[in-house]
Amino acid sequence: MAEKNKKTITGQVLNSIKINKLKCINGLNEI
């Protein structure tokens, strides 16, 4: 179970990083 939880947390972190990168790119395009 612990291994599965680690993977889920890692996936969530990667997803949030991707979302933040997209937001930054969108912000640069708006300027």
N, C-alpha and C. Protein backbone atom coordinates (compact mmCIF):
# COMPACT_ATOMS: atom_id res chain seq x y z
N MET A 1 0.83 -1.21 0.00
CA MET A 1 0.00 0.00 0.00
C MET A 1 0.87 1.26 0.00
N ALA A 2 1.95 1.25 0.77
CA ALA A 2 2.80 2.44 0.86
C ALA A 2 3.36 2.81 -0.50
N GLU A 3 3.81 1.80 -1.25
CA GLU A 3 4.38 2.07 -2.58
C GLU A 3 3.34 2.72 -3.49
N LYS A 4 2.11 2.20 -3.43
CA LYS A 4 1.04 2.75 -4.27
C LYS A 4 0.78 4.20 -3.89
N ASN A 5 0.78 4.49 -2.60
CA ASN A 5 0.54 5.86 -2.14
C ASN A 5 1.64 6.79 -2.63
N LYS A 6 2.89 6.31 -2.59
CA LYS A 6 4.02 7.13 -3.05
C LYS A 6 3.82 7.50 -4.51
N LYS A 7 3.44 6.52 -5.32
CA LYS A 7 3.24 6.78 -6.75
C LYS A 7 2.13 7.79 -6.96
N THR A 8 1.06 7.67 -6.19
CA THR A 8 -0.07 8.60 -6.33
C THR A 8 0.36 10.01 -5.98
N ILE A 9 1.10 10.16 -4.89
CA ILE A 9 1.57 11.48 -4.46
C ILE A 9 2.50 12.06 -5.52
N THR A 10 3.41 11.23 -6.04
CA THR A 10 4.34 11.69 -7.07
C THR A 10 3.57 12.15 -8.29
N GLY A 11 2.55 11.39 -8.68
CA GLY A 11 1.73 11.76 -9.83
C GLY A 11 1.04 13.10 -9.60
N GLN A 12 0.54 13.31 -8.41
CA GLN A 12 -0.15 14.57 -8.09
C GLN A 12 0.83 15.74 -8.16
N VAL A 13 2.04 15.52 -7.65
CA VAL A 13 3.05 16.59 -7.68
C VAL A 13 3.41 16.91 -9.13
N LEU A 14 3.64 15.87 -9.95
CA LEU A 14 3.98 16.10 -11.35
C LEU A 14 2.85 16.83 -12.06
N ASN A 15 1.61 16.45 -11.78
CA ASN A 15 0.46 17.11 -12.41
C ASN A 15 0.41 18.58 -12.01
N SER A 16 0.63 18.89 -10.75
CA SER A 16 0.57 20.29 -10.31
C SER A 16 1.69 21.09 -10.95
N ILE A 17 2.87 20.46 -11.12
CA ILE A 17 3.99 21.16 -11.77
C ILE A 17 3.63 21.45 -13.23
N LYS A 18 3.03 20.46 -13.90
CA LYS A 18 2.61 20.66 -15.30
C LYS A 18 1.61 21.80 -15.39
N ILE A 19 0.64 21.82 -14.49
CA ILE A 19 -0.39 22.87 -14.49
C ILE A 19 0.26 24.24 -14.26
N ASN A 20 1.21 24.30 -13.33
CA ASN A 20 1.89 25.58 -13.05
C ASN A 20 2.67 26.04 -14.27
N LYS A 21 3.33 25.10 -14.96
CA LYS A 21 4.08 25.47 -16.16
C LYS A 21 3.14 26.02 -17.22
N LEU A 22 1.99 25.36 -17.40
CA LEU A 22 1.02 25.83 -18.39
C LEU A 22 0.53 27.23 -18.03
N LYS A 23 0.28 27.46 -16.73
CA LYS A 23 -0.18 28.78 -16.29
C LYS A 23 0.88 29.83 -16.60
N CYS A 24 2.15 29.50 -16.36
CA CYS A 24 3.24 30.44 -16.63
C CYS A 24 3.30 30.75 -18.11
N ILE A 25 3.18 29.72 -18.95
CA ILE A 25 3.23 29.91 -20.40
C ILE A 25 2.06 30.79 -20.84
N ASN A 26 0.88 30.53 -20.32
CA ASN A 26 -0.30 31.34 -20.65
C ASN A 26 -0.08 32.79 -20.21
N GLY A 27 0.49 32.97 -19.04
CA GLY A 27 0.75 34.31 -18.53
C GLY A 27 1.72 35.06 -19.44
N LEU A 28 2.76 34.38 -19.92
CA LEU A 28 3.73 35.02 -20.80
C LEU A 28 3.07 35.42 -22.12
N ASN A 29 2.18 34.56 -22.61
CA ASN A 29 1.50 34.85 -23.87
C ASN A 29 0.60 36.07 -23.75
N GLU A 30 0.05 36.30 -22.55
CA GLU A 30 -0.89 37.41 -22.36
C GLU A 30 -0.16 38.75 -22.31
N ILE A 31 1.09 38.74 -21.90
CA ILE A 31 1.85 40.00 -21.74
C ILE A 31 2.09 40.63 -23.12
